[in-house]
Amino acid sequence: MKLADLADVSVESNSDSLNSSEQDKDFIRSCLNKQFAVTITDGRVMVGDFLCTDKDANIILGGTQEYVPGRPEEESRQVGLVIVPGKHIKKIMKRN
């Protein structure tokens, strides 16, 4: 998997709060077990399967590969199950 195989994810908002809430839940459900890349504040990119999130925007990824800026992609490392604190998330991208 190359980092270039990832695409930005965007969500359209809806002014009807009840309807929007259901749409938001459906969107999160559709993301479950899909591969995402999460860029964190120190520049590292964690690529793994989206398993869950919470009200604080913390994310759990499974089967995660860690990419460090400035190093070749071949030097990435397998880190497995990771919890990414929401306060450290800069960008989330979904694999195509």
Protein backbone atom coordinates (compact mmCIF):
# COMPACT_ATOMS: atom_id res chain seq x y z
CA MET A 1 0.00 0.00 0.00
CA LYS A 2 1.31 3.40 -0.95
CA LEU A 3 0.30 6.59 0.82
CA ALA A 4 -0.53 7.99 -2.63
CA ASP A 5 -3.48 5.52 -2.76
CA LEU A 6 -5.40 7.63 -0.24
CA ALA A 7 -8.09 10.25 -0.84
CA ASP A 8 -9.55 13.00 1.33
CA VAL A 9 -12.88 12.24 2.99
CA SER A 10 -15.50 14.94 3.28
CA VAL A 11 -18.93 14.96 4.87
CA GLU A 12 -21.77 17.23 3.82
CA SER A 13 -23.74 18.74 6.67
CA ASN A 14 -27.52 18.95 6.89
CA SER A 15 -29.42 21.70 8.74
CA ASP A 16 -32.01 19.25 10.14
CA SER A 17 -30.28 18.15 13.37
CA LEU A 18 -32.18 14.85 13.84
CA ASN A 19 -31.72 13.90 10.21
CA SER A 20 -28.11 15.06 10.30
CA SER A 21 -27.43 12.99 13.41
CA GLU A 22 -28.71 9.85 11.69
CA GLN A 23 -26.69 10.67 8.57
CA ASP A 24 -23.58 11.16 10.72
CA LYS A 25 -24.11 7.76 12.38
CA ASP A 26 -24.65 6.12 9.00
CA PHE A 27 -21.46 7.73 7.70
CA ILE A 28 -19.43 6.45 10.67
CA ARG A 29 -20.92 2.96 10.23
CA SER A 30 -19.96 3.01 6.55
CA CYS A 31 -16.35 3.76 7.58
CA LEU A 32 -16.04 0.76 9.89
CA ASN A 33 -13.35 -1.72 8.84
CA LYS A 34 -12.24 0.51 5.94
CA GLN A 35 -8.61 1.53 5.63
CA PHE A 36 -7.76 5.08 6.69
CA ALA A 37 -4.61 7.15 7.08
CA VAL A 38 -4.46 9.43 10.10
CA THR A 39 -1.82 12.16 10.16
CA ILE A 40 -0.93 13.23 13.68
CA THR A 41 0.61 16.43 15.04
CA ASP A 42 4.21 15.15 14.96
CA GLY A 43 3.88 14.34 11.24
CA ARG A 44 3.63 10.56 11.48
CA VAL A 45 0.95 8.83 9.44
CA MET A 46 -0.89 5.82 10.84
CA VAL A 47 -2.57 3.64 8.19
CA GLY A 48 -4.98 0.99 9.44
CA ASP A 49 -8.53 -0.29 9.58
CA PHE A 50 -10.95 2.13 11.26
CA LEU A 51 -12.47 0.22 14.20
CA CYS A 52 -14.15 2.86 16.35
CA THR A 53 -14.29 6.42 17.61
CA ASP A 54 -15.80 8.20 20.60
CA LYS A 55 -17.28 11.58 21.54
CA ASP A 56 -13.78 13.02 22.04
CA ALA A 57 -12.79 12.11 18.44
CA ASN A 58 -10.28 9.48 19.58
CA ILE A 59 -9.83 6.83 16.88
CA ILE A 60 -8.85 3.17 17.12
CA LEU A 61 -7.12 1.63 14.11
CA GLY A 62 -6.32 -2.06 13.70
CA GLY A 63 -3.52 -3.67 11.69
CA THR A 64 -1.78 -0.32 11.63
CA GLN A 65 1.35 0.59 9.70
CA GLU A 66 3.31 3.66 10.87
CA TYR A 67 4.99 5.98 8.35
CA VAL A 68 7.52 8.57 9.55
CA PRO A 69 8.16 11.73 7.52
CA GLY A 70 11.59 11.88 5.92
CA ARG A 71 11.97 8.10 5.80
CA PRO A 72 11.32 5.88 2.79
CA GLU A 73 7.95 4.09 2.83
CA GLU A 74 9.88 0.80 2.87
CA GLU A 75 11.02 1.71 6.40
CA SER A 76 7.49 1.86 7.78
CA ARG A 77 6.75 -0.37 10.74
CA GLN A 78 3.84 -2.56 11.76
CA VAL A 79 2.42 -1.28 15.07
CA GLY A 80 -0.87 -3.24 15.19
CA LEU A 81 -3.74 -1.83 17.26
CA VAL A 82 -3.39 1.89 18.02
CA ILE A 83 -5.45 4.54 19.77
CA VAL A 84 -4.99 7.97 18.22
CA PRO A 85 -6.09 10.74 20.60
CA GLY A 86 -8.45 13.17 18.87
CA LYS A 87 -6.42 16.17 20.04
CA HIS A 88 -3.44 14.89 18.00
CA ILE A 89 -5.29 14.27 14.73
CA LYS A 90 -4.41 16.71 11.93
CA LYS A 91 -5.89 14.91 8.92
CA ILE A 92 -7.89 11.78 8.13
CA MET A 93 -7.84 10.21 4.67
CA LYS A 94 -9.66 7.18 3.29
CA ARG A 95 -8.01 4.65 1.00
CA ASN A 96 -9.47 4.59 -2.53
